[in-house]
Amino acid sequence: MECDGISCSISLILTKAGIKHRCVVGYVSDLTSGNCVTPHVWIELIDGWIIDYRLRMWFGDEDEIPHGIFHPSSEPTLFYKSTSNDLGELKSDDFLDLATVEKLSHVKVSSDFVLENPNVTHNK
């Protein structure tokens, strides 16, 4: 899966858990190398953290390139710029489950996480 598919899958998991976030379309520039990937899709949590599991796909599988969940302040050489919040129609639950070989429907966010982090979840 590329950045759009993995980000839509993560967004679905976060939405089902009631975790506030946005799926962002834009570009990422590496200020050290001058490399830029556009378009790129990632998740931004309400408190500023980024979820990006595909940046290494474009910038190389190097330890210096973040992979997963990180705060942008910990990566000062990377510049994330949103150009749109609109992915059009997000992929359906059934499509994403099929694209993840029927594994996505089994992924859940721990209820302990939701209880311990009320500031990042929607009121239910």
PDB file of N, CA and C in Angstrom:
ATOM      1  N   MET A   1       0.822  -1.178   0.000  1.00  0.00           N
ATOM      2  CA  MET A   1       0.000   0.000   0.000  1.00  0.00           C
ATOM      3  C   MET A   1       0.871   1.248   0.000  1.00  0.00           C
ATOM      4  N   GLU A   2       0.444   2.219  -0.752  1.00  0.00           N
ATOM      5  CA  GLU A   2       1.167   3.489  -0.763  1.00  0.00           C
ATOM      6  C   GLU A   2       0.578   4.421   0.294  1.00  0.00           C
ATOM      7  N   CYS A   3       1.028   5.664   0.306  1.00  0.00           N
ATOM      8  CA  CYS A   3       0.672   6.585   1.392  1.00  0.00           C
ATOM      9  C   CYS A   3      -0.827   6.829   1.503  1.00  0.00           C
ATOM     10  N   ASP A   4      -1.550   6.891   0.386  1.00  0.00           N
ATOM     11  CA  ASP A   4      -2.982   7.150   0.476  1.00  0.00           C
ATOM     12  C   ASP A   4      -3.728   5.977   1.092  1.00  0.00           C
ATOM     13  N   GLY A   5      -3.400   4.769   0.681  1.00  0.00           N
ATOM     14  CA  GLY A   5      -4.079   3.584   1.203  1.00  0.00           C
ATOM     15  C   GLY A   5      -3.813   3.351   2.675  1.00  0.00           C
ATOM     16  N   ILE A   6      -2.547   3.469   3.087  1.00  0.00           N
ATOM     17  CA  ILE A   6      -2.219   3.237   4.495  1.00  0.00           C
ATOM     18  C   ILE A   6      -2.799   4.346   5.359  1.00  0.00           C
ATOM     19  N   SER A   7      -2.786   5.589   4.872  1.00  0.00           N
ATOM     20  CA  SER A   7      -3.347   6.694   5.652  1.00  0.00           C
ATOM     21  C   SER A   7      -4.862   6.560   5.788  1.00  0.00           C
ATOM     22  N   CYS A   8      -5.541   6.153   4.722  1.00  0.00           N
ATOM     23  CA  CYS A   8      -6.990   5.926   4.806  1.00  0.00           C
ATOM     24  C   CYS A   8      -7.303   4.791   5.767  1.00  0.00           C
ATOM     25  N   SER A   9      -6.490   3.746   5.762  1.00  0.00           N
ATOM     26  CA  SER A   9      -6.694   2.623   6.679  1.00  0.00           C
ATOM     27  C   SER A   9      -6.522   3.067   8.125  1.00  0.00           C
ATOM     28  N   ILE A  10      -5.468   3.820   8.394  1.00  0.00           N
ATOM     29  CA  ILE A  10      -5.230   4.319   9.752  1.00  0.00           C
ATOM     30  C   ILE A  10      -6.347   5.274  10.160  1.00  0.00           C
ATOM     31  N   SER A  11      -6.793   6.119   9.247  1.00  0.00           N
ATOM     32  CA  SER A  11      -7.877   7.056   9.529  1.00  0.00           C
ATOM     33  C   SER A  11      -9.147   6.313   9.930  1.00  0.00           C
ATOM     34  N   LEU A  12      -9.440   5.228   9.242  1.00  0.00           N
ATOM     35  CA  LEU A  12     -10.620   4.428   9.573  1.00  0.00           C
ATOM     36  C   LEU A  12     -10.519   3.870  10.989  1.00  0.00           C
ATOM     37  N   ILE A  13      -9.349   3.350  11.353  1.00  0.00           N
ATOM     38  CA  ILE A  13      -9.135   2.809  12.702  1.00  0.00           C
ATOM     39  C   ILE A  13      -9.309   3.914  13.741  1.00  0.00           C
ATOM     40  N   LEU A  14      -8.705   5.071  13.498  1.00  0.00           N
ATOM     41  CA  LEU A  14      -8.805   6.184  14.444  1.00  0.00           C
ATOM     42  C   LEU A  14     -10.241   6.690  14.563  1.00  0.00           C
ATOM     43  N   THR A  15     -10.944   6.770  13.441  1.00  0.00           N
ATOM     44  CA  THR A  15     -12.339   7.223  13.452  1.00  0.00           C
ATOM     45  C   THR A  15     -13.201   6.280  14.272  1.00  0.00           C
ATOM     46  N   LYS A  16     -13.032   4.984  14.062  1.00  0.00           N
ATOM     47  CA  LYS A  16     -13.821   4.000  14.822  1.00  0.00           C
ATOM     48  C   LYS A  16     -13.531   4.079  16.314  1.00  0.00           C
ATOM     49  N   ALA A  17     -12.307   4.484  16.682  1.00  0.00           N
ATOM     50  CA  ALA A  17     -11.939   4.617  18.096  1.00  0.00           C
ATOM     51  C   ALA A  17     -12.315   5.989  18.655  1.00  0.00           C
ATOM     52  N   GLY A  18     -12.820   6.875  17.800  1.00  0.00           N
ATOM     53  CA  GLY A  18     -13.207   8.208  18.246  1.00  0.00           C
ATOM     54  C   GLY A  18     -12.040   9.149  18.461  1.00  0.00           C
ATOM     55  N   ILE A  19     -10.904   8.870  17.824  1.00  0.00           N
ATOM     56  CA  ILE A  19      -9.706   9.700  17.995  1.00  0.00           C
ATOM     57  C   ILE A  19      -9.699  10.806  16.943  1.00  0.00           C
ATOM     58  N   LYS A  20      -9.621  12.053  17.410  1.00  0.00           N
ATOM     59  CA  LYS A  20      -9.649  13.214  16.522  1.00  0.00           C
ATOM     60  C   LYS A  20      -8.360  13.280  15.702  1.00  0.00           C
ATOM     61  N   HIS A  21      -8.530  13.470  14.410  1.00  0.00           N
ATOM     62  CA  HIS A  21      -7.393  13.526  13.493  1.00  0.00           C
ATOM     63  C   HIS A  21      -7.869  14.085  12.162  1.00  0.00           C
ATOM     64  N   ARG A  22      -6.918  14.297  11.273  1.00  0.00           N
ATOM     65  CA  ARG A  22      -7.282  14.610   9.896  1.00  0.00           C
ATOM     66  C   ARG A  22      -6.312  13.911   8.961  1.00  0.00           C
ATOM     67  N   CYS A  23      -6.839  13.481   7.849  1.00  0.00           N
ATOM     68  CA  CYS A  23      -6.051  12.855   6.794  1.00  0.00           C
ATOM     69  C   CYS A  23      -5.649  13.991   5.851  1.00  0.00           C
ATOM     70  N   VAL A  24      -4.351  14.178   5.658  1.00  0.00           N
ATOM     71  CA  VAL A  24      -3.844  15.362   4.969  1.00  0.00           C
ATOM     72  C   VAL A  24      -3.171  14.984   3.647  1.00  0.00           C
ATOM     73  N   VAL A  25      -3.444  15.777   2.627  1.00  0.00           N
ATOM     74  CA  VAL A  25      -2.756  15.664   1.342  1.00  0.00           C
ATOM     75  C   VAL A  25      -1.852  16.885   1.213  1.00  0.00           C
ATOM     76  N   GLY A  26      -0.631  16.659   0.800  1.00  0.00           N
ATOM     77  CA  GLY A  26       0.294  17.777   0.651  1.00  0.00           C
ATOM     78  C   GLY A  26       1.635  17.302   0.136  1.00  0.00           C
ATOM     79  N   TYR A  27       2.681  17.913   0.670  1.00  0.00           N
ATOM     80  CA  TYR A  27       4.027  17.495   0.280  1.00  0.00           C
ATOM     81  C   TYR A  27       4.948  17.546   1.486  1.00  0.00           C
ATOM     82  N   VAL A  28       6.053  16.807   1.367  1.00  0.00           N
ATOM     83  CA  VAL A  28       7.081  16.796   2.406  1.00  0.00           C
ATOM     84  C   VAL A  28       8.409  17.112   1.732  1.00  0.00           C
ATOM     85  N   SER A  29       9.127  18.080   2.301  1.00  0.00           N
ATOM     86  CA  SER A  29      10.464  18.437   1.818  1.00  0.00           C
ATOM     87  C   SER A  29      11.490  18.072   2.874  1.00  0.00           C
ATOM     88  N   ASP A  30      12.607  17.508   2.418  1.00  0.00           N
ATOM     89  CA  ASP A  30      13.750  17.252   3.290  1.00  0.00           C
ATOM     90  C   ASP A  30      14.712  18.415   3.079  1.00  0.00           C
ATOM     91  N   LEU A  31      14.806  19.279   4.075  1.00  0.00           N
ATOM     92  CA  LEU A  31      15.603  20.497   3.938  1.00  0.00           C
ATOM     93  C   LEU A  31      17.100  20.212   3.828  1.00  0.00           C
ATOM     94  N   THR A  32      17.539  19.029   4.284  1.00  0.00           N
ATOM     95  CA  THR A  32      18.952  18.661   4.197  1.00  0.00           C
ATOM     96  C   THR A  32      19.327  18.227   2.787  1.00  0.00           C
ATOM     97  N   SER A  33      18.542  17.313   2.224  1.00  0.00           N
ATOM     98  CA  SER A  33      18.869  16.760   0.905  1.00  0.00           C
ATOM     99  C   SER A  33      18.257  17.552  -0.242  1.00  0.00           C
ATOM    100  N   GLY A  34      17.199  18.309   0.055  1.00  0.00           N
ATOM    101  CA  GLY A  34      16.484  19.015  -1.002  1.00  0.00           C
ATOM    102  C   GLY A  34      15.420  18.171  -1.670  1.00  0.00           C
ATOM    103  N   ASN A  35      15.288  16.905  -1.257  1.00  0.00           N
ATOM    104  CA  ASN A  35      14.275  16.032  -1.831  1.00  0.00           C
ATOM    105  C   ASN A  35      12.882  16.484  -1.413  1.00  0.00           C
ATOM    106  N   CYS A  36      11.920  16.229  -2.295  1.00  0.00           N
ATOM    107  CA  CYS A  36      10.532  16.584  -2.017  1.00  0.00           C
ATOM    108  C   CYS A  36       9.638  15.496  -2.593  1.00  0.00           C
ATOM    109  N   VAL A  37       8.613  15.105  -1.852  1.00  0.00           N
ATOM    110  CA  VAL A  37       7.639  14.147  -2.359  1.00  0.00           C
ATOM    111  C   VAL A  37       6.279  14.839  -2.398  1.00  0.00           C
ATOM    112  N   THR A  38       5.672  14.792  -3.579  1.00  0.00           N
ATOM    113  CA  THR A  38       4.346  15.370  -3.763  1.00  0.00           C
ATOM    114  C   THR A  38       3.624  14.615  -4.865  1.00  0.00           C
ATOM    115  N   PRO A  39       2.379  14.284  -4.721  1.00  0.00           N
ATOM    116  CA  PRO A  39       1.608  14.455  -3.493  1.00  0.00           C
ATOM    117  C   PRO A  39       1.997  13.399  -2.465  1.00  0.00           C
ATOM    118  N   HIS A  40       1.726  13.707  -1.220  1.00  0.00           N
ATOM    119  CA  HIS A  40       1.960  12.767  -0.126  1.00  0.00           C
ATOM    120  C   HIS A  40       0.760  12.852   0.807  1.00  0.00           C
ATOM    121  N   VAL A  41       0.432  11.747   1.459  1.00  0.00           N
ATOM    122  CA  VAL A  41      -0.718  11.682   2.360  1.00  0.00           C
ATOM    123  C   VAL A  41      -0.246  11.166   3.706  1.00  0.00           C
ATOM    124  N   TRP A  42      -0.692  11.817   4.780  1.00  0.00           N
ATOM    125  CA  TRP A  42      -0.340  11.412   6.136  1.00  0.00           C
ATOM    126  C   TRP A  42      -1.485  11.770   7.070  1.00  0.00           C
ATOM    127  N   ILE A  43      -1.355  11.384   8.330  1.00  0.00           N
ATOM    128  CA  ILE A  43      -2.354  11.676   9.362  1.00  0.00           C
ATOM    129  C   ILE A  43      -1.766  12.696  10.327  1.00  0.00           C
ATOM    130  N   GLU A  44      -2.574  13.684  10.703  1.00  0.00           N
ATOM    131  CA  GLU A  44      -2.209  14.609  11.771  1.00  0.00           C
ATOM    132  C   GLU A  44      -3.190  14.422  12.917  1.00  0.00           C
ATOM    133  N   LEU A  45      -2.657  14.154  14.098  1.00  0.00           N
ATOM    134  CA  LEU A  45      -3.487  14.069  15.287  1.00  0.00           C
ATOM    135  C   LEU A  45      -3.755  15.478  15.802  1.00  0.00           C
ATOM    136  N   ILE A  46      -4.789  15.629  16.593  1.00  0.00           N
ATOM    137  CA  ILE A  46      -5.231  16.941  17.056  1.00  0.00           C
ATOM    138  C   ILE A  46      -4.152  17.675  17.849  1.00  0.00           C
ATOM    139  N   ASP A  47      -3.252  16.929  18.487  1.00  0.00           N
ATOM    140  CA  ASP A  47      -2.207  17.558  19.303  1.00  0.00           C
ATOM    141  C   ASP A  47      -0.901  17.776  18.533  1.00  0.00           C
ATOM    142  N   GLY A  48      -0.967  17.635  17.196  1.00  0.00           N
ATOM    143  CA  GLY A  48       0.185  17.959  16.363  1.00  0.00           C
ATOM    144  C   GLY A  48       1.058  16.791  15.943  1.00  0.00           C
ATOM    145  N   TRP A  49       0.881  15.631  16.541  1.00  0.00           N
ATOM    146  CA  TRP A  49       1.688  14.471  16.158  1.00  0.00           C
ATOM    147  C   TRP A  49       1.323  14.038  14.745  1.00  0.00           C
ATOM    148  N   ILE A  50       2.289  13.444  14.063  1.00  0.00           N
ATOM    149  CA  ILE A  50       2.114  12.961  12.694  1.00  0.00           C
ATOM    150  C   ILE A  50       2.221  11.441  12.686  1.00  0.00           C
ATOM    151  N   ILE A  51       1.361  10.822  11.897  1.00  0.00           N
ATOM    152  CA  ILE A  51       1.470   9.386  11.628  1.00  0.00           C
ATOM    153  C   ILE A  51       1.800   9.258  10.144  1.00  0.00           C
ATOM    154  N   ASP A  52       2.978   8.720   9.857  1.00  0.00           N
ATOM    155  CA  ASP A  52       3.430   8.584   8.472  1.00  0.00           C
ATOM    156  C   ASP A  52       4.247   7.302   8.354  1.00  0.00           C
ATOM    157  N   TYR A  53       3.643   6.305   7.725  1.00  0.00           N
ATOM    158  CA  TYR A  53       4.316   5.024   7.532  1.00  0.00           C
ATOM    159  C   TYR A  53       4.835   4.848   6.107  1.00  0.00           C
ATOM    160  N   ARG A  54       4.821   5.905   5.301  1.00  0.00           N
ATOM    161  CA  ARG A  54       5.273   5.750   3.917  1.00  0.00           C
ATOM    162  C   ARG A  54       6.328   6.752   3.470  1.00  0.00           C
ATOM    163  N   LEU A  55       6.817   7.609   4.337  1.00  0.00           N
ATOM    164  CA  LEU A  55       7.834   8.569   3.915  1.00  0.00           C
ATOM    165  C   LEU A  55       9.109   7.862   3.461  1.00  0.00           C
ATOM    166  N   ARG A  56       9.460   6.774   4.126  1.00  0.00           N
ATOM    167  CA  ARG A  56      10.670   6.028   3.733  1.00  0.00           C
ATOM    168  C   ARG A  56      10.527   5.401   2.353  1.00  0.00           C
ATOM    169  N   MET A  57       9.297   5.167   1.923  1.00  0.00           N
ATOM    170  CA  MET A  57       9.074   4.631   0.582  1.00  0.00           C
ATOM    171  C   MET A  57       9.649   5.596  -0.457  1.00  0.00           C
ATOM    172  N   TRP A  58       9.560   6.887  -0.172  1.00  0.00           N
ATOM    173  CA  TRP A  58       9.988   7.901  -1.133  1.00  0.00           C
ATOM    174  C   TRP A  58      11.390   8.440  -0.843  1.00  0.00           C
ATOM    175  N   PHE A  59      11.762   8.561   0.443  1.00  0.00           N
ATOM    176  CA  PHE A  59      13.044   9.168   0.801  1.00  0.00           C
ATOM    177  C   PHE A  59      14.129   8.149   1.112  1.00  0.00           C
ATOM    178  N   GLY A  60      13.786   6.882   1.123  1.00  0.00           N
ATOM    179  CA  GLY A  60      14.767   5.841   1.394  1.00  0.00           C
ATOM    180  C   GLY A  60      14.628   5.280   2.795  1.00  0.00           C
ATOM    181  N   ASP A  61      14.980   4.024   2.931  1.00  0.00           N
ATOM    182  CA  ASP A  61      14.839   3.308   4.207  1.00  0.00           C
ATOM    183  C   ASP A  61      16.049   3.582   5.092  1.00  0.00           C
ATOM    184  N   GLU A  62      16.151   4.813   5.544  1.00  0.00           N
ATOM    185  CA  GLU A  62      17.273   5.256   6.377  1.00  0.00           C
ATOM    186  C   GLU A  62      16.766   5.588   7.772  1.00  0.00           C
ATOM    187  N   ASP A  63      17.603   5.360   8.784  1.00  0.00           N
ATOM    188  CA  ASP A  63      17.217   5.649  10.165  1.00  0.00           C
ATOM    189  C   ASP A  63      16.847   7.116  10.378  1.00  0.00           C
ATOM    190  N   GLU A  64      17.420   8.013   9.594  1.00  0.00           N
ATOM    191  CA  GLU A  64      17.155   9.446   9.758  1.00  0.00           C
ATOM    192  C   GLU A  64      15.751   9.836   9.306  1.00  0.00           C
ATOM    193  N   ILE A  65      15.123   8.987   8.513  1.00  0.00           N
ATOM    194  CA  ILE A  65      13.779   9.266   8.002  1.00  0.00           C
ATOM    195  C   ILE A  65      12.776   8.632   8.960  1.00  0.00           C
ATOM    196  N   PRO A  66      11.866   9.426   9.533  1.00  0.00           N
ATOM    197  CA  PRO A  66      10.920   8.869  10.502  1.00  0.00           C
ATOM    198  C   PRO A  66       9.974   7.868   9.853  1.00  0.00           C
ATOM    199  N   HIS A  67       9.517   6.932  10.661  1.00  0.00           N
ATOM    200  CA  HIS A  67       8.608   5.890  10.206  1.00  0.00           C
ATOM    201  C   HIS A  67       7.666   5.590  11.361  1.00  0.00           C
ATOM    202  N   GLY A  68       6.429   6.019  11.247  1.00  0.00           N
ATOM    203  CA  GLY A  68       5.469   5.756  12.311  1.00  0.00           C
ATOM    204  C   GLY A  68       4.888   7.029  12.872  1.00  0.00           C
ATOM    205  N   ILE A  69       4.880   7.126  14.203  1.00  0.00           N
ATOM    206  CA  ILE A  69       4.267   8.251  14.904  1.00  0.00           C
ATOM    207  C   ILE A  69       5.375   9.108  15.504  1.00  0.00           C
ATOM    208  N   PHE A  70       5.350  10.396  15.190  1.00  0.00           N
ATOM    209  CA  PHE A  70       6.393  11.291  15.690  1.00  0.00           C
ATOM    210  C   PHE A  70       5.857  12.712  15.742  1.00  0.00           C
ATOM    211  N   HIS A  71       6.540  13.555  16.481  1.00  0.00           N
ATOM    212  CA  HIS A  71       6.167  14.966  16.535  1.00  0.00           C
ATOM    213  C   HIS A  71       7.082  15.730  15.581  1.00  0.00           C
ATOM    214  N   PRO A  72       6.535  16.650  14.803  1.00  0.00           N
ATOM    215  CA  PRO A  72       7.371  17.369  13.834  1.00  0.00           C
ATOM    216  C   PRO A  72       8.543  18.115  14.466  1.00  0.00           C
ATOM    217  N   SER A  73       8.421  18.502  15.728  1.00  0.00           N
ATOM    218  CA  SER A  73       9.538  19.209  16.378  1.00  0.00           C
ATOM    219  C   SER A  73      10.761  18.312  16.544  1.00  0.00           C
ATOM    220  N   SER A  74      10.553  16.987  16.502  1.00  0.00           N
ATOM    221  CA  SER A  74      11.679  16.059  16.614  1.00  0.00           C
ATOM    222  C   SER A  74      12.353  15.813  15.263  1.00  0.00           C
ATOM    223  N   GLU A  75      11.778  16.362  14.206  1.00  0.00           N
ATOM    224  CA  GLU A  75      12.312  16.181  12.847  1.00  0.00           C
ATOM    225  C   GLU A  75      12.452  17.543  12.172  1.00  0.00           C
ATOM    226  N   PRO A  76      13.369  18.395  12.652  1.00  0.00           N
ATOM    227  CA  PRO A  76      13.448  19.774  12.153  1.00  0.00           C
ATOM    228  C   PRO A  76      13.881  19.905  10.694  1.00  0.00           C
ATOM    229  N   THR A  77      14.423  18.843  10.100  1.00  0.00           N
ATOM    230  CA  THR A  77      14.845  18.949   8.699  1.00  0.00           C
ATOM    231  C   THR A  77      13.727  18.579   7.729  1.00  0.00           C
ATOM    232  N   LEU A  78      12.586  18.124   8.256  1.00  0.00           N
ATOM    233  CA  LEU A  78      11.458  17.777   7.395  1.00  0.00           C
ATOM    234  C   LEU A  78      10.390  18.857   7.474  1.00  0.00           C
ATOM    235  N   PHE A  79       9.875  19.241   6.323  1.00  0.00           N
ATOM    236  CA  PHE A  79       8.838  20.261   6.242  1.00  0.00           C
ATOM    237  C   PHE A  79       7.594  19.629   5.634  1.00  0.00           C
ATOM    238  N   TYR A  80       6.555  19.446   6.462  1.00  0.00           N
ATOM    239  CA  TYR A  80       5.267  18.916   6.013  1.00  0.00           C
ATOM    240  C   TYR A  80       4.359  20.091   5.689  1.00  0.00           C
ATOM    241  N   LYS A  81       3.805  20.110   4.498  1.00  0.00           N
ATOM    242  CA  LYS A  81       2.919  21.201   4.093  1.00  0.00           C
ATOM    243  C   LYS A  81       1.623  20.632   3.528  1.00  0.00           C
ATOM    244  N   SER A  82       0.527  20.977   4.176  1.00  0.00           N
ATOM    245  CA  SER A  82      -0.796  20.562   3.727  1.00  0.00           C
ATOM    246  C   SER A  82      -1.221  21.406   2.532  1.00  0.00           C
ATOM    247  N   THR A  83      -1.741  20.743   1.506  1.00  0.00           N
ATOM    248  CA  THR A  83      -2.328  21.469   0.381  1.00  0.00           C
ATOM    249  C   THR A  83      -3.826  21.210   0.293  1.00  0.00           C
ATOM    250  N   SER A  84      -4.300  20.174   1.012  1.00  0.00           N
ATOM    251  CA  SER A  84      -5.722  19.837   0.995  1.00  0.00           C
ATOM    252  C   SER A  84      -6.022  18.869   2.124  1.00  0.00           C
ATOM    253  N   ASN A  85      -7.234  18.949   2.650  1.00  0.00           N
ATOM    254  CA  ASN A  85      -7.713  17.949   3.606  1.00  0.00           C
ATOM    255  C   ASN A  85      -8.641  16.973   2.912  1.00  0.00           C
ATOM    256  N   ASP A  86      -8.802  17.109   1.619  1.00  0.00           N
ATOM    257  CA  ASP A  86      -9.834  16.373   0.910  1.00  0.00           C
ATOM    258  C   ASP A  86      -9.229  15.256   0.073  1.00  0.00           C
ATOM    259  N   LEU A  87      -9.501  14.039   0.477  1.00  0.00           N
ATOM    260  CA  LEU A  87      -9.087  12.885  -0.331  1.00  0.00           C
ATOM    261  C   LEU A  87     -10.225  12.436  -1.232  1.00  0.00           C
ATOM    262  N   GLY A  88     -11.235  13.272  -1.378  1.00  0.00           N
ATOM    263  CA  GLY A  88     -12.409  12.854  -2.122  1.00  0.00           C
ATOM    264  C   GLY A  88     -13.134  11.822  -1.278  1.00  0.00           C
ATOM    265  N   GLU A  89     -13.642  10.831  -1.892  1.00  0.00           N
ATOM    266  CA  GLU A  89     -14.299   9.757  -1.154  1.00  0.00           C
ATOM    267  C   GLU A  89     -13.233   8.865  -0.539  1.00  0.00           C
ATOM    268  N   LEU A  90     -13.209   8.814   0.790  1.00  0.00           N
ATOM    269  CA  LEU A  90     -12.293   7.875   1.434  1.00  0.00           C
ATOM    270  C   LEU A  90     -12.712   6.469   1.053  1.00  0.00           C
ATOM    271  N   LYS A  91     -11.759   5.614   0.974  1.00  0.00           N
ATOM    272  CA  LYS A  91     -12.040   4.246   0.572  1.00  0.00           C
ATOM    273  C   LYS A  91     -12.979   3.584   1.577  1.00  0.00           C
ATOM    274  N   SER A  92     -13.856   2.734   1.081  1.00  0.00           N
ATOM    275  CA  SER A  92     -14.851   2.092   1.941  1.00  0.00           C
ATOM    276  C   SER A  92     -14.189   1.092   2.885  1.00  0.00           C
ATOM    277  N   ASP A  93     -14.901   0.789   3.972  1.00  0.00           N
ATOM    278  CA  ASP A  93     -14.414  -0.200   4.934  1.00  0.00           C
ATOM    279  C   ASP A  93     -14.112  -1.527   4.244  1.00  0.00           C
ATOM    280  N   ASP A  94     -15.027  -1.962   3.375  1.00  0.00           N
ATOM    281  CA  ASP A  94     -14.849  -3.253   2.705  1.00  0.00           C
ATOM    282  C   ASP A  94     -13.636  -3.239   1.780  1.00  0.00           C
ATOM    283  N   PHE A  95     -13.447  -2.139   1.035  1.00  0.00           N
ATOM    284  CA  PHE A  95     -12.291  -2.042   0.147  1.00  0.00           C
ATOM    285  C   PHE A  95     -10.996  -2.086   0.948  1.00  0.00           C
ATOM    286  N   LEU A  96     -10.936  -1.297   2.032  1.00  0.00           N
ATOM    287  CA  LEU A  96      -9.715  -1.252   2.840  1.00  0.00           C
ATOM    288  C   LEU A  96      -9.440  -2.595   3.499  1.00  0.00           C
ATOM    289  N   ASP A  97     -10.490  -3.290   3.934  1.00  0.00           N
ATOM    290  CA  ASP A  97     -10.290  -4.612   4.532  1.00  0.00           C
ATOM    291  C   ASP A  97      -9.732  -5.582   3.488  1.00  0.00           C
ATOM    292  N   LEU A  98     -10.263  -5.533   2.289  1.00  0.00           N
ATOM    293  CA  LEU A  98      -9.764  -6.389   1.213  1.00  0.00           C
ATOM    294  C   LEU A  98      -8.322  -6.024   0.854  1.00  0.00           C
ATOM    295  N   ALA A  99      -8.020  -4.733   0.786  1.00  0.00           N
ATOM    296  CA  ALA A  99      -6.672  -4.273   0.433  1.00  0.00           C
ATOM    297  C   ALA A  99      -5.636  -4.664   1.482  1.00  0.00           C
ATOM    298  N   THR A 100      -6.082  -4.886   2.713  1.00  0.00           N
ATOM    299  CA  THR A 100      -5.167  -5.295   3.787  1.00  0.00           C
ATOM    300  C   THR A 100      -5.288  -6.792   4.061  1.00  0.00           C
ATOM    301  N   VAL A 101      -5.738  -7.533   3.071  1.00  0.00           N
ATOM    302  CA  VAL A 101      -5.898  -8.988   3.155  1.00  0.00           C
ATOM    303  C   VAL A 101      -6.756  -9.349   4.381  1.00  0.00           C
ATOM    304  N   GLU A 102      -7.852  -8.617   4.532  1.00  0.00           N
ATOM    305  CA  GLU A 102      -8.849  -8.839   5.582  1.00  0.00           C
ATOM    306  C   GLU A 102      -8.282  -8.734   6.991  1.00  0.00           C
ATOM    307  N   LYS A 103      -7.234  -7.944   7.161  1.00  0.00           N
ATOM    308  CA  LYS A 103      -6.658  -7.751   8.493  1.00  0.00           C
ATOM    309  C   LYS A 103      -7.152  -6.468   9.160  1.00  0.00           C
ATOM    310  N   LEU A 104      -7.522  -5.459   8.374  1.00  0.00           N
ATOM    311  CA  LEU A 104      -7.917  -4.171   8.937  1.00  0.00           C
ATOM    312  C   LEU A 104      -9.115  -4.295   9.869  1.00  0.00           C
ATOM    313  N   SER A 105     -10.061  -5.151   9.521  1.00  0.00           N
ATOM    314  CA  SER A 105     -11.264  -5.279  10.349  1.00  0.00           C
ATOM    315  C   SER A 105     -10.952  -5.847  11.726  1.00  0.00           C
ATOM    316  N   HIS A 106      -9.772  -6.409  11.913  1.00  0.00           N
ATOM    317  CA  HIS A 106      -9.387  -6.989  13.205  1.00  0.00           C
ATOM    318  C   HIS A 106      -8.562  -6.037  14.064  1.00  0.00           C
ATOM    319  N   VAL A 107      -8.190  -4.873  13.522  1.00  0.00           N
ATOM    320  CA  VAL A 107      -7.361  -3.920  14.265  1.00  0.00           C
ATOM    321  C   VAL A 107      -8.259  -3.035  15.124  1.00  0.00           C
ATOM    322  N   LYS A 108      -7.908  -2.911  16.379  1.00  0.00           N
ATOM    323  CA  LYS A 108      -8.671  -2.088  17.319  1.00  0.00           C
ATOM    324  C   LYS A 108      -7.700  -1.221  18.112  1.00  0.00           C
ATOM    325  N   VAL A 109      -8.160  -0.045  18.515  1.00  0.00           N
ATOM    326  CA  VAL A 109      -7.408   0.800  19.440  1.00  0.00           C
ATOM    327  C   VAL A 109      -7.798   0.367  20.840  1.00  0.00           C
ATOM    328  N   SER A 110      -6.826   0.184  21.700  1.00  0.00           N
ATOM    329  CA  SER A 110      -7.056  -0.257  23.068  1.00  0.00           C
ATOM    330  C   SER A 110      -8.015   0.681  23.789  1.00  0.00           C
ATOM    331  N   SER A 111      -9.002   0.115  24.472  1.00  0.00           N
ATOM    332  CA  SER A 111      -9.928   0.943  25.250  1.00  0.00           C
ATOM    333  C   SER A 111      -9.185   1.655  26.373  1.00  0.00           C
ATOM    334  N   ASP A 112      -8.094   1.066  26.871  1.00  0.00           N
ATOM    335  CA  ASP A 112      -7.279   1.733  27.892  1.00  0.00           C
ATOM    336  C   ASP A 112      -6.684   3.028  27.340  1.00  0.00           C
ATOM    337  N   PHE A 113      -6.218   2.989  26.086  1.00  0.00           N
ATOM    338  CA  PHE A 113      -5.674   4.201  25.471  1.00  0.00           C
ATOM    339  C   PHE A 113      -6.740   5.287  25.408  1.00  0.00           C
ATOM    340  N   VAL A 114      -7.925   4.912  24.976  1.00  0.00           N
ATOM    341  CA  VAL A 114      -9.012   5.878  24.849  1.00  0.00           C
ATOM    342  C   VAL A 114      -9.356   6.474  26.210  1.00  0.00           C
ATOM    343  N   LEU A 115      -9.413   5.641  27.246  1.00  0.00           N
ATOM    344  CA  LEU A 115      -9.731   6.127  28.593  1.00  0.00           C
ATOM    345  C   LEU A 115      -8.627   7.017  29.154  1.00  0.00           C
ATOM    346  N   GLU A 116      -7.372   6.669  28.883  1.00  0.00           N
ATOM    347  CA  GLU A 116      -6.233   7.409  29.429  1.00  0.00           C
ATOM    348  C   GLU A 116      -5.925   8.693  28.660  1.00  0.00           C
ATOM    349  N   ASN A 117      -6.521   8.872  27.490  1.00  0.00           N
ATOM    350  CA  ASN A 117      -6.234  10.036  26.643  1.00  0.00           C
ATOM    351  C   ASN A 117      -7.521  10.730  26.197  1.00  0.00           C
ATOM    352  N   PRO A 118      -8.310  11.222  27.127  1.00  0.00           N
ATOM    353  CA  PRO A 118      -9.591  11.830  26.737  1.00  0.00           C
ATOM    354  C   PRO A 118      -9.432  13.078  25.876  1.00  0.00           C
ATOM    355  N   ASN A 119      -8.272  13.721  25.929  1.00  0.00           N
ATOM    356  CA  ASN A 119      -8.059  14.928  25.127  1.00  0.00           C
ATOM    357  C   ASN A 119      -7.925  14.646  23.639  1.00  0.00           C
ATOM    358  N   VAL A 120      -7.678  13.412  23.248  1.00  0.00           N
ATOM    359  CA  VAL A 120      -7.525  13.106  21.825  1.00  0.00           C
ATOM    360  C   VAL A 120      -8.726  12.371  21.253  1.00  0.00           C
ATOM    361  N   THR A 121      -9.751  12.154  22.062  1.00  0.00           N
ATOM    362  CA  THR A 121     -10.913  11.416  21.581  1.00  0.00           C
ATOM    363  C   THR A 121     -12.138  12.312  21.531  1.00  0.00           C
ATOM    364  N   HIS A 122     -13.066  11.923  20.669  1.00  0.00           N
ATOM    365  CA  HIS A 122     -14.344  12.621  20.573  1.00  0.00           C
ATOM    366  C   HIS A 122     -15.185  12.258  21.782  1.00  0.00           C
ATOM    367  N   ASN A 123     -16.035  13.149  22.220  1.00  0.00           N
ATOM    368  CA  ASN A 123     -16.992  12.805  23.275  1.00  0.00           C
ATOM    369  C   ASN A 123     -18.019  11.864  22.689  1.00  0.00           C
ATOM    370  N   LYS A 124     -18.267  10.798  23.384  1.00  0.00           N
ATOM    371  CA  LYS A 124     -19.239   9.821  22.877  1.00  0.00           C
ATOM    372  C   LYS A 124     -20.451   9.801  23.755  1.00  0.00           C
TER     373      LYS A 124
END
